[in-house]
């Protein structure tokens, strides 16, 4: 099919690759404009732009699609369908209507649960047992369109947002290929009104660990905010990011390190930290981290 692809972050790249590998004609790739990044704050292209240019595909990164000129250019590509995944701009109705067969969105949740910006984070933070991918027909509302395909996956007991992100990205790439191949036969399923939740964008203020909370909540916060923005605590005034955890046996004062294996007491129960990062350094598995900062019984965090 003749496709316009619309996406921006790393999550979207495997989908673009799958469309190219599937033999679809990519009329254009739309993504967010380059943003300042790195120490020099120089403009850096998004992962999708970098990949599209490496593939020799035409790239567009308008600041908005509300103007008549941008809308006319979009329509002029004559696409049969637009495939949208984590693009980052609201699509006006005239843009949604431009492709002959509409716009299909790849969303990383089991709609109507977790509509919105951060569905992977929120699924882990809320302790969901499963999540998945939905392919839906886009309409003016936020992730409200009818669903064409869905596939559920279990969330692992120690899985982080980063790990689940990669699994769902690959699943989305597979599922959009199925959807395009079966587009004539798929029956749109309206989303039920019951069970709607919204995945609000992650605020960095959520990342401070409160060791007085139950271990299950602390564990979910560590895994749900890994790798970004990273749940954090302090030790003797130094901020430490905790990027992996599992539930563990143990009890003590909240924030107390219980052993030499990085088990920390919570308000009830305990967690074992499996991955951590000191300021200005790379993330490390717990064993390596503890060689540089040997924490043990008697140490307090927070």
C-alpha atoms as a PDB file:
ATOM      1  CA  UNK A   1       0.000   0.000   0.000  1.00  0.00           C
ATOM      2  CA  UNK A   2       1.019   3.646  -0.359  1.00  0.00           C
ATOM      3  CA  UNK A   3       1.552   4.752   3.234  1.00  0.00           C
ATOM      4  CA  UNK A   4       2.345   7.925   5.139  1.00  0.00           C
ATOM      5  CA  UNK A   5       4.180   6.999   8.331  1.00  0.00           C
ATOM      6  CA  UNK A   6       3.889   9.268  11.363  1.00  0.00           C
ATOM      7  CA  UNK A   7       6.027   8.673  14.452  1.00  0.00           C
ATOM      8  CA  UNK A   8       8.864  10.215  16.442  1.00  0.00           C
ATOM      9  CA  UNK A   9      10.565   8.239  19.261  1.00  0.00           C
ATOM     10  CA  UNK A  10      12.505   4.988  19.342  1.00  0.00           C
ATOM     11  CA  UNK A  11       9.262   3.089  19.959  1.00  0.00           C
ATOM     12  CA  UNK A  12       8.156   3.945  16.407  1.00  0.00           C
ATOM     13  CA  UNK A  13      11.303   2.862  14.556  1.00  0.00           C
ATOM     14  CA  UNK A  14      10.604  -0.909  14.395  1.00  0.00           C
ATOM     15  CA  UNK A  15       7.189  -0.123  12.897  1.00  0.00           C
ATOM     16  CA  UNK A  16       8.764   1.936  10.113  1.00  0.00           C
ATOM     17  CA  UNK A  17      11.258  -0.853   9.450  1.00  0.00           C
ATOM     18  CA  UNK A  18       8.446  -3.417   9.308  1.00  0.00           C
ATOM     19  CA  UNK A  19       6.464  -1.362   6.802  1.00  0.00           C
ATOM     20  CA  UNK A  20       9.507  -1.046   4.547  1.00  0.00           C
ATOM     21  CA  UNK A  21      10.321  -4.750   4.900  1.00  0.00           C
ATOM     22  CA  UNK A  22       6.697  -5.581   4.108  1.00  0.00           C
ATOM     23  CA  UNK A  23       7.002  -3.947   0.709  1.00  0.00           C
ATOM     24  CA  UNK A  24       4.777  -0.959   1.385  1.00  0.00           C
ATOM     25  CA  UNK A  25       5.513   2.266  -0.462  1.00  0.00           C
ATOM     26  CA  UNK A  26       6.364   4.969   2.069  1.00  0.00           C
ATOM     27  CA  UNK A  27       5.148   8.195   0.487  1.00  0.00           C
ATOM     28  CA  UNK A  28       6.496  10.318   3.349  1.00  0.00           C
ATOM     29  CA  UNK A  29       7.613  10.086   6.953  1.00  0.00           C
ATOM     30  CA  UNK A  30       6.260  12.656   9.401  1.00  0.00           C
ATOM     31  CA  UNK A  31       7.950  13.228  12.761  1.00  0.00           C
ATOM     32  CA  UNK A  32       8.569  15.933  15.345  1.00  0.00           C
ATOM     33  CA  UNK A  33      11.160  18.586  14.434  1.00  0.00           C
ATOM     34  CA  UNK A  34      14.749  18.192  15.685  1.00  0.00           C
ATOM     35  CA  UNK A  35      15.126  19.287  19.317  1.00  0.00           C
ATOM     36  CA  UNK A  36      18.124  20.626  21.284  1.00  0.00           C
ATOM     37  CA  UNK A  37      19.881  17.742  23.009  1.00  0.00           C
ATOM     38  CA  UNK A  38      23.191  16.830  24.614  1.00  0.00           C
ATOM     39  CA  UNK A  39      25.635  19.088  26.399  1.00  0.00           C
ATOM     40  CA  UNK A  40      25.946  21.438  23.451  1.00  0.00           C
ATOM     41  CA  UNK A  41      22.151  21.687  23.111  1.00  0.00           C
ATOM     42  CA  UNK A  42      22.451  21.304  19.345  1.00  0.00           C
ATOM     43  CA  UNK A  43      19.375  20.295  17.396  1.00  0.00           C
ATOM     44  CA  UNK A  44      19.178  16.522  17.175  1.00  0.00           C
ATOM     45  CA  UNK A  45      16.838  14.660  14.810  1.00  0.00           C
ATOM     46  CA  UNK A  46      14.376  12.231  16.339  1.00  0.00           C
ATOM     47  CA  UNK A  47      15.041   8.479  16.098  1.00  0.00           C
ATOM     48  CA  UNK A  48      12.397   8.204  13.356  1.00  0.00           C
ATOM     49  CA  UNK A  49      13.924  11.016  11.307  1.00  0.00           C
ATOM     50  CA  UNK A  50      17.382   9.479  11.588  1.00  0.00           C
ATOM     51  CA  UNK A  51      16.093   6.065  10.511  1.00  0.00           C
ATOM     52  CA  UNK A  52      13.977   7.455   7.678  1.00  0.00           C
ATOM     53  CA  UNK A  53      16.902   9.422   6.270  1.00  0.00           C
ATOM     54  CA  UNK A  54      19.113   6.327   6.496  1.00  0.00           C
ATOM     55  CA  UNK A  55      16.470   4.494   4.440  1.00  0.00           C
ATOM     56  CA  UNK A  56      16.352   7.324   1.906  1.00  0.00           C
ATOM     57  CA  UNK A  57      12.743   8.223   2.670  1.00  0.00           C
ATOM     58  CA  UNK A  58      11.299  11.758   2.368  1.00  0.00           C
ATOM     59  CA  UNK A  59      10.874  13.368   5.793  1.00  0.00           C
ATOM     60  CA  UNK A  60       8.554  16.138   6.917  1.00  0.00           C
ATOM     61  CA  UNK A  61       8.554  17.638  10.411  1.00  0.00           C
ATOM     62  CA  UNK A  62       6.039  20.491  10.540  1.00  0.00           C
ATOM     63  CA  UNK A  63       5.582  22.254  13.865  1.00  0.00           C
ATOM     64  CA  UNK A  64       1.825  21.985  13.335  1.00  0.00           C
ATOM     65  CA  UNK A  65      -0.664  20.408  10.938  1.00  0.00           C
ATOM     66  CA  UNK A  66      -3.310  23.080  11.497  1.00  0.00           C
ATOM     67  CA  UNK A  67      -2.260  25.294   8.590  1.00  0.00           C
ATOM     68  CA  UNK A  68      -3.752  24.996   5.098  1.00  0.00           C
ATOM     69  CA  UNK A  69      -0.337  24.662   3.460  1.00  0.00           C
ATOM     70  CA  UNK A  70       0.747  21.737   5.676  1.00  0.00           C
ATOM     71  CA  UNK A  71      -2.619  20.052   5.175  1.00  0.00           C
ATOM     72  CA  UNK A  72      -2.466  20.459   1.404  1.00  0.00           C
ATOM     73  CA  UNK A  73       1.033  18.951   1.295  1.00  0.00           C
ATOM     74  CA  UNK A  74      -0.133  15.992   3.375  1.00  0.00           C
ATOM     75  CA  UNK A  75      -3.082  15.356   1.066  1.00  0.00           C
ATOM     76  CA  UNK A  76      -0.906  15.722  -2.036  1.00  0.00           C
ATOM     77  CA  UNK A  77       1.060  12.597  -1.125  1.00  0.00           C
ATOM     78  CA  UNK A  78      -2.011  10.593  -2.142  1.00  0.00           C
ATOM     79  CA  UNK A  79      -1.604   7.953   0.550  1.00  0.00           C
ATOM     80  CA  UNK A  80      -4.045   5.068   0.867  1.00  0.00           C
ATOM     81  CA  UNK A  81      -3.494   4.979   4.621  1.00  0.00           C
ATOM     82  CA  UNK A  82      -1.504   6.749   7.336  1.00  0.00           C
ATOM     83  CA  UNK A  83       0.132   4.658  10.063  1.00  0.00           C
ATOM     84  CA  UNK A  84       0.573   6.656  13.277  1.00  0.00           C
ATOM     85  CA  UNK A  85       2.553   5.576  16.331  1.00  0.00           C
ATOM     86  CA  UNK A  86       3.695   7.972  19.062  1.00  0.00           C
ATOM     87  CA  UNK A  87       3.786  10.903  16.640  1.00  0.00           C
ATOM     88  CA  UNK A  88       3.247  13.687  19.159  1.00  0.00           C
ATOM     89  CA  UNK A  89       0.897  16.049  17.319  1.00  0.00           C
ATOM     90  CA  UNK A  90      -2.887  16.189  17.258  1.00  0.00           C
ATOM     91  CA  UNK A  91      -4.184  15.406  13.759  1.00  0.00           C
ATOM     92  CA  UNK A  92      -6.945  17.780  12.589  1.00  0.00           C
ATOM     93  CA  UNK A  93      -9.989  16.188  11.006  1.00  0.00           C
ATOM     94  CA  UNK A  94      -8.948  17.275   7.517  1.00  0.00           C
ATOM     95  CA  UNK A  95      -5.695  15.331   7.962  1.00  0.00           C
ATOM     96  CA  UNK A  96      -7.524  12.289   9.355  1.00  0.00           C
ATOM     97  CA  UNK A  97      -9.767  12.336   6.291  1.00  0.00           C
ATOM     98  CA  UNK A  98      -7.007  12.772   3.693  1.00  0.00           C
ATOM     99  CA  UNK A  99      -5.797   9.157   3.225  1.00  0.00           C
ATOM    100  CA  UNK A 100      -8.281   7.128   1.207  1.00  0.00           C
ATOM    101  CA  UNK A 101      -8.545   4.473   3.945  1.00  0.00           C
ATOM    102  CA  UNK A 102      -8.019   6.712   6.931  1.00  0.00           C
ATOM    103  CA  UNK A 103      -5.389   6.811   9.673  1.00  0.00           C
ATOM    104  CA  UNK A 104      -4.470   3.787  11.784  1.00  0.00           C
ATOM    105  CA  UNK A 105      -2.931   4.268  15.206  1.00  0.00           C
ATOM    106  CA  UNK A 106      -0.767   1.742  17.052  1.00  0.00           C
ATOM    107  CA  UNK A 107      -1.450   2.229  20.766  1.00  0.00           C
ATOM    108  CA  UNK A 108       0.447   0.469  23.557  1.00  0.00           C
ATOM    109  CA  UNK A 109      -2.432  -0.547  25.806  1.00  0.00           C
ATOM    110  CA  UNK A 110      -5.629  -2.562  25.823  1.00  0.00           C
ATOM    111  CA  UNK A 111      -8.043   0.251  25.035  1.00  0.00           C
ATOM    112  CA  UNK A 112     -10.067   1.826  26.541  1.00  0.00           C
ATOM    113  CA  UNK A 113      -7.670   1.353  29.455  1.00  0.00           C
ATOM    114  CA  UNK A 114      -4.769   3.806  29.389  1.00  0.00           C
ATOM    115  CA  UNK A 115      -5.642   6.226  26.659  1.00  0.00           C
ATOM    116  CA  UNK A 116      -3.115   9.028  26.413  1.00  0.00           C
ATOM    117  CA  UNK A 117       0.576   9.774  26.658  1.00  0.00           C
ATOM    118  CA  UNK A 118       2.186   7.204  28.977  1.00  0.00           C
ATOM    119  CA  UNK A 119       0.306   3.894  28.765  1.00  0.00           C
ATOM    120  CA  UNK A 120       3.335   1.647  29.347  1.00  0.00           C
ATOM    121  CA  UNK A 121       4.482   3.500  32.470  1.00  0.00           C
ATOM    122  CA  UNK A 122       0.964   3.619  33.893  1.00  0.00           C
ATOM    123  CA  UNK A 123       0.287  -0.070  33.357  1.00  0.00           C
ATOM    124  CA  UNK A 124       3.317  -1.018  35.469  1.00  0.00           C
ATOM    125  CA  UNK A 125       2.786   1.732  38.049  1.00  0.00           C
ATOM    126  CA  UNK A 126      -0.783   0.515  38.581  1.00  0.00           C
ATOM    127  CA  UNK A 127       0.194  -3.133  38.946  1.00  0.00           C
ATOM    128  CA  UNK A 128      -1.679  -4.325  35.859  1.00  0.00           C
ATOM    129  CA  UNK A 129      -1.232  -8.021  35.136  1.00  0.00           C
ATOM    130  CA  UNK A 130      -1.380  -7.485  31.386  1.00  0.00           C
ATOM    131  CA  UNK A 131      -1.299  -4.875  28.675  1.00  0.00           C
ATOM    132  CA  UNK A 132      -0.960  -5.087  24.914  1.00  0.00           C
ATOM    133  CA  UNK A 133      -1.258  -3.418  21.531  1.00  0.00           C
ATOM    134  CA  UNK A 134      -4.343  -2.073  19.807  1.00  0.00           C
ATOM    135  CA  UNK A 135      -4.592  -1.070  16.153  1.00  0.00           C
ATOM    136  CA  UNK A 136      -7.382   1.482  15.954  1.00  0.00           C
ATOM    137  CA  UNK A 137      -8.996   3.774  13.440  1.00  0.00           C
ATOM    138  CA  UNK A 138      -8.215   7.337  14.415  1.00  0.00           C
ATOM    139  CA  UNK A 139     -10.852   9.955  15.068  1.00  0.00           C
ATOM    140  CA  UNK A 140     -10.811  13.413  16.629  1.00  0.00           C
ATOM    141  CA  UNK A 141     -10.936  12.182  20.256  1.00  0.00           C
ATOM    142  CA  UNK A 142      -7.858  11.131  22.253  1.00  0.00           C
ATOM    143  CA  UNK A 143      -7.420   7.397  21.515  1.00  0.00           C
ATOM    144  CA  UNK A 144     -11.182   6.968  21.247  1.00  0.00           C
ATOM    145  CA  UNK A 145     -11.458   5.331  17.812  1.00  0.00           C
ATOM    146  CA  UNK A 146     -12.774   1.837  17.090  1.00  0.00           C
ATOM    147  CA  UNK A 147     -10.293  -1.010  17.451  1.00  0.00           C
ATOM    148  CA  UNK A 148      -9.431  -3.217  14.474  1.00  0.00           C
ATOM    149  CA  UNK A 149      -6.983  -5.605  16.161  1.00  0.00           C
ATOM    150  CA  UNK A 150      -5.765  -6.169  19.691  1.00  0.00           C
ATOM    151  CA  UNK A 151      -3.270  -8.516  21.302  1.00  0.00           C
ATOM    152  CA  UNK A 152      -2.639  -8.867  25.018  1.00  0.00           C
ATOM    153  CA  UNK A 153       0.653  -9.682  26.731  1.00  0.00           C
ATOM    154  CA  UNK A 154       1.398 -10.484  30.366  1.00  0.00           C
ATOM    155  CA  UNK A 155       3.559  -8.031  32.310  1.00  0.00           C
ATOM    156  CA  UNK A 156       6.508  -9.783  33.972  1.00  0.00           C
ATOM    157  CA  UNK A 157       6.890  -9.602  37.751  1.00  0.00           C
ATOM    158  CA  UNK A 158      10.274  -7.855  37.398  1.00  0.00           C
ATOM    159  CA  UNK A 159       9.691  -6.140  34.041  1.00  0.00           C
ATOM    160  CA  UNK A 160      10.587  -2.477  33.680  1.00  0.00           C
ATOM    161  CA  UNK A 161       8.950   0.098  31.459  1.00  0.00           C
ATOM    162  CA  UNK A 162      12.012  -0.025  29.207  1.00  0.00           C
ATOM    163  CA  UNK A 163      11.762  -3.784  28.734  1.00  0.00           C
ATOM    164  CA  UNK A 164       8.007  -3.710  28.179  1.00  0.00           C
ATOM    165  CA  UNK A 165       8.446  -0.778  25.766  1.00  0.00           C
ATOM    166  CA  UNK A 166      10.707  -2.902  23.559  1.00  0.00           C
ATOM    167  CA  UNK A 167       8.366  -5.883  23.595  1.00  0.00           C
ATOM    168  CA  UNK A 168       5.338  -3.786  22.699  1.00  0.00           C
ATOM    169  CA  UNK A 169       7.209  -1.916  19.974  1.00  0.00           C
ATOM    170  CA  UNK A 170       8.058  -5.220  18.285  1.00  0.00           C
ATOM    171  CA  UNK A 171       4.490  -6.461  18.743  1.00  0.00           C
ATOM    172  CA  UNK A 172       3.102  -3.269  17.208  1.00  0.00           C
ATOM    173  CA  UNK A 173       5.366  -3.711  14.194  1.00  0.00           C
ATOM    174  CA  UNK A 174       4.048  -7.241  13.690  1.00  0.00           C
ATOM    175  CA  UNK A 175       0.414  -6.361  14.257  1.00  0.00           C
ATOM    176  CA  UNK A 176       0.269  -3.410  11.851  1.00  0.00           C
ATOM    177  CA  UNK A 177       1.505  -5.724   9.090  1.00  0.00           C
ATOM    178  CA  UNK A 178      -1.380  -8.085   9.839  1.00  0.00           C
ATOM    179  CA  UNK A 179      -3.856  -5.190   9.935  1.00  0.00           C
ATOM    180  CA  UNK A 180      -2.794  -3.802   6.563  1.00  0.00           C
ATOM    181  CA  UNK A 181      -2.920  -7.253   4.965  1.00  0.00           C
ATOM    182  CA  UNK A 182      -6.429  -7.898   6.325  1.00  0.00           C
ATOM    183  CA  UNK A 183      -7.795  -4.356   6.168  1.00  0.00           C
ATOM    184  CA  UNK A 184     -10.739  -5.291   3.952  1.00  0.00           C
ATOM    185  CA  UNK A 185     -11.866  -7.999   6.360  1.00  0.00           C
ATOM    186  CA  UNK A 186     -11.389  -6.331   9.755  1.00  0.00           C
ATOM    187  CA  UNK A 187     -14.514  -5.170  11.567  1.00  0.00           C
ATOM    188  CA  UNK A 188     -14.021  -2.000  13.660  1.00  0.00           C
ATOM    189  CA  UNK A 189     -15.017  -2.596  17.280  1.00  0.00           C
ATOM    190  CA  UNK A 190     -16.220   0.537  19.124  1.00  0.00           C
ATOM    191  CA  UNK A 191     -14.533   1.028  22.465  1.00  0.00           C
ATOM    192  CA  UNK A 192     -16.810   0.423  25.462  1.00  0.00           C
ATOM    193  CA  UNK A 193     -17.600   3.361  27.705  1.00  0.00           C
ATOM    194  CA  UNK A 194     -16.816   1.293  30.801  1.00  0.00           C
ATOM    195  CA  UNK A 195     -13.197   0.931  31.842  1.00  0.00           C
ATOM    196  CA  UNK A 196     -11.820   4.160  30.383  1.00  0.00           C
ATOM    197  CA  UNK A 197      -8.625   5.371  32.085  1.00  0.00           C
ATOM    198  CA  UNK A 198      -6.149   8.049  31.062  1.00  0.00           C
ATOM    199  CA  UNK A 199      -2.370   7.625  31.100  1.00  0.00           C
ATOM    200  CA  UNK A 200      -1.209  11.068  32.108  1.00  0.00           C
ATOM    201  CA  UNK A 201       2.286  12.128  31.079  1.00  0.00           C
ATOM    202  CA  UNK A 202       4.886  11.212  33.691  1.00  0.00           C
ATOM    203  CA  UNK A 203       5.854  14.107  35.948  1.00  0.00           C
ATOM    204  CA  UNK A 204       9.388  14.055  37.384  1.00  0.00           C
ATOM    205  CA  UNK A 205       7.853  14.911  40.753  1.00  0.00           C
ATOM    206  CA  UNK A 206       6.494  11.348  40.837  1.00  0.00           C
ATOM    207  CA  UNK A 207      10.000   9.888  40.874  1.00  0.00           C
ATOM    208  CA  UNK A 208      10.970  10.553  44.515  1.00  0.00           C
ATOM    209  CA  UNK A 209      10.761   7.284  46.470  1.00  0.00           C
ATOM    210  CA  UNK A 210       8.807   7.184  49.714  1.00  0.00           C
ATOM    211  CA  UNK A 211      10.090   4.206  51.669  1.00  0.00           C
ATOM    212  CA  UNK A 212       7.110   4.348  54.052  1.00  0.00           C
ATOM    213  CA  UNK A 213       4.899   3.033  51.227  1.00  0.00           C
ATOM    214  CA  UNK A 214       4.225  -0.720  50.950  1.00  0.00           C
ATOM    215  CA  UNK A 215       6.878  -2.754  49.143  1.00  0.00           C
ATOM    216  CA  UNK A 216       4.545  -3.529  46.231  1.00  0.00           C
ATOM    217  CA  UNK A 217       4.127   0.198  45.511  1.00  0.00           C
ATOM    218  CA  UNK A 218       7.843   0.922  45.819  1.00  0.00           C
ATOM    219  CA  UNK A 219       8.656  -1.992  43.508  1.00  0.00           C
ATOM    220  CA  UNK A 220       6.178  -0.755  40.894  1.00  0.00           C
ATOM    221  CA  UNK A 221       7.515   2.801  41.070  1.00  0.00           C
ATOM    222  CA  UNK A 222      11.100   1.652  40.532  1.00  0.00           C
ATOM    223  CA  UNK A 223      10.188  -0.589  37.590  1.00  0.00           C
ATOM    224  CA  UNK A 224       7.565   1.763  36.159  1.00  0.00           C
ATOM    225  CA  UNK A 225       9.933   4.746  35.964  1.00  0.00           C
ATOM    226  CA  UNK A 226      12.893   2.796  34.569  1.00  0.00           C
ATOM    227  CA  UNK A 227      14.792   3.918  32.606  1.00  0.00           C
ATOM    228  CA  UNK A 228      13.180   7.371  32.515  1.00  0.00           C
ATOM    229  CA  UNK A 229      12.890   9.480  34.547  1.00  0.00           C
ATOM    230  CA  UNK A 230      14.180   6.967  37.091  1.00  0.00           C
ATOM    231  CA  UNK A 231      12.875   6.618  40.648  1.00  0.00           C
ATOM    232  CA  UNK A 232      15.373   8.109  43.073  1.00  0.00           C
ATOM    233  CA  UNK A 233      16.376   8.125  46.689  1.00  0.00           C
ATOM    234  CA  UNK A 234      19.335   9.552  48.599  1.00  0.00           C
ATOM    235  CA  UNK A 235      22.225   8.226  50.663  1.00  0.00           C
ATOM    236  CA  UNK A 236      24.144  10.728  52.796  1.00  0.00           C
ATOM    237  CA  UNK A 237      22.936  13.532  50.536  1.00  0.00           C
ATOM    238  CA  UNK A 238      23.830  11.818  47.257  1.00  0.00           C
ATOM    239  CA  UNK A 239      20.974  11.144  44.856  1.00  0.00           C
ATOM    240  CA  UNK A 240      20.766   7.575  43.561  1.00  0.00           C
ATOM    241  CA  UNK A 241      18.487   6.332  40.800  1.00  0.00           C
ATOM    242  CA  UNK A 242      16.997   2.879  41.302  1.00  0.00           C
ATOM    243  CA  UNK A 243      16.232   1.239  37.968  1.00  0.00           C
ATOM    244  CA  UNK A 244      15.339  -2.361  38.743  1.00  0.00           C
ATOM    245  CA  UNK A 245      13.753  -4.184  41.676  1.00  0.00           C
ATOM    246  CA  UNK A 246      11.953  -7.260  42.898  1.00  0.00           C
ATOM    247  CA  UNK A 247       9.853  -7.959  45.973  1.00  0.00           C
ATOM    248  CA  UNK A 248      11.860  -9.506  48.816  1.00  0.00           C
ATOM    249  CA  UNK A 249      11.447 -10.867  52.326  1.00  0.00           C
ATOM    250  CA  UNK A 250      12.450  -8.638  55.201  1.00  0.00           C
ATOM    251  CA  UNK A 251      11.322  -5.944  57.587  1.00  0.00           C
ATOM    252  CA  UNK A 252      12.794  -2.915  59.272  1.00  0.00           C
ATOM    253  CA  UNK A 253      12.643   0.844  59.489  1.00  0.00           C
ATOM    254  CA  UNK A 254      11.530   2.286  56.118  1.00  0.00           C
ATOM    255  CA  UNK A 255      14.615   2.961  54.014  1.00  0.00           C
ATOM    256  CA  UNK A 256      16.905   0.711  56.053  1.00  0.00           C
ATOM    257  CA  UNK A 257      19.317  -1.452  54.077  1.00  0.00           C
ATOM    258  CA  UNK A 258      18.813  -4.966  55.429  1.00  0.00           C
ATOM    259  CA  UNK A 259      21.698  -6.926  53.933  1.00  0.00           C
ATOM    260  CA  UNK A 260      24.648  -6.786  51.528  1.00  0.00           C
ATOM    261  CA  UNK A 261      22.387  -7.746  48.616  1.00  0.00           C
ATOM    262  CA  UNK A 262      20.686  -4.330  48.406  1.00  0.00           C
ATOM    263  CA  UNK A 263      17.454  -5.334  50.146  1.00  0.00           C
ATOM    264  CA  UNK A 264      15.677  -2.277  51.530  1.00  0.00           C
ATOM    265  CA  UNK A 265      12.843  -2.153  54.052  1.00  0.00           C
ATOM    266  CA  UNK A 266       9.592  -0.416  53.124  1.00  0.00           C
ATOM    267  CA  UNK A 267       6.535   0.594  55.140  1.00  0.00           C
ATOM    268  CA  UNK A 268       5.519  -3.037  54.897  1.00  0.00           C
ATOM    269  CA  UNK A 269       7.739  -5.694  53.347  1.00  0.00           C
ATOM    270  CA  UNK A 270      10.927  -5.043  51.413  1.00  0.00           C
ATOM    271  CA  UNK A 271      12.354  -4.759  47.916  1.00  0.00           C
ATOM    272  CA  UNK A 272      15.662  -5.919  46.521  1.00  0.00           C
ATOM    273  CA  UNK A 273      17.228  -3.368  44.182  1.00  0.00           C
ATOM    274  CA  UNK A 274      18.661  -5.078  41.088  1.00  0.00           C
ATOM    275  CA  UNK A 275      19.943  -2.075  39.118  1.00  0.00           C
ATOM    276  CA  UNK A 276      21.010   1.421  40.168  1.00  0.00           C
ATOM    277  CA  UNK A 277      22.860   4.528  39.035  1.00  0.00           C
ATOM    278  CA  UNK A 278      24.889   7.208  40.807  1.00  0.00           C
ATOM    279  CA  UNK A 279      24.877  10.785  39.568  1.00  0.00           C
ATOM    280  CA  UNK A 280      27.160  11.320  36.587  1.00  0.00           C
ATOM    281  CA  UNK A 281      27.749   7.593  36.082  1.00  0.00           C
ATOM    282  CA  UNK A 282      26.230   4.817  34.028  1.00  0.00           C
ATOM    283  CA  UNK A 283      23.561   2.433  35.240  1.00  0.00           C
ATOM    284  CA  UNK A 284      24.918  -0.767  36.817  1.00  0.00           C
ATOM    285  CA  UNK A 285      23.638  -4.111  37.966  1.00  0.00           C
ATOM    286  CA  UNK A 286      23.383  -4.192  41.753  1.00  0.00           C
ATOM    287  CA  UNK A 287      26.483  -6.322  42.293  1.00  0.00           C
ATOM    288  CA  UNK A 288      28.692  -3.895  40.372  1.00  0.00           C
ATOM    289  CA  UNK A 289      26.992  -0.858  41.905  1.00  0.00           C
ATOM    290  CA  UNK A 290      27.670  -2.102  45.441  1.00  0.00           C
ATOM    291  CA  UNK A 291      31.362  -2.475  44.735  1.00  0.00           C
ATOM    292  CA  UNK A 292      31.513   1.288  44.206  1.00  0.00           C
ATOM    293  CA  UNK A 293      29.085   2.155  47.010  1.00  0.00           C
ATOM    294  CA  UNK A 294      29.094  -0.688  49.549  1.00  0.00           C
ATOM    295  CA  UNK A 295      25.725  -0.448  51.259  1.00  0.00           C
ATOM    296  CA  UNK A 296      24.805  -2.855  54.020  1.00  0.00           C
ATOM    297  CA  UNK A 297      23.013  -3.263  57.348  1.00  0.00           C
ATOM    298  CA  UNK A 298      22.975   0.008  59.240  1.00  0.00           C
ATOM    299  CA  UNK A 299      22.804   2.200  56.145  1.00  0.00           C
ATOM    300  CA  UNK A 300      19.705   4.292  55.511  1.00  0.00           C
ATOM    301  CA  UNK A 301      18.248   5.548  52.264  1.00  0.00           C
ATOM    302  CA  UNK A 302      16.025   8.575  51.852  1.00  0.00           C
END
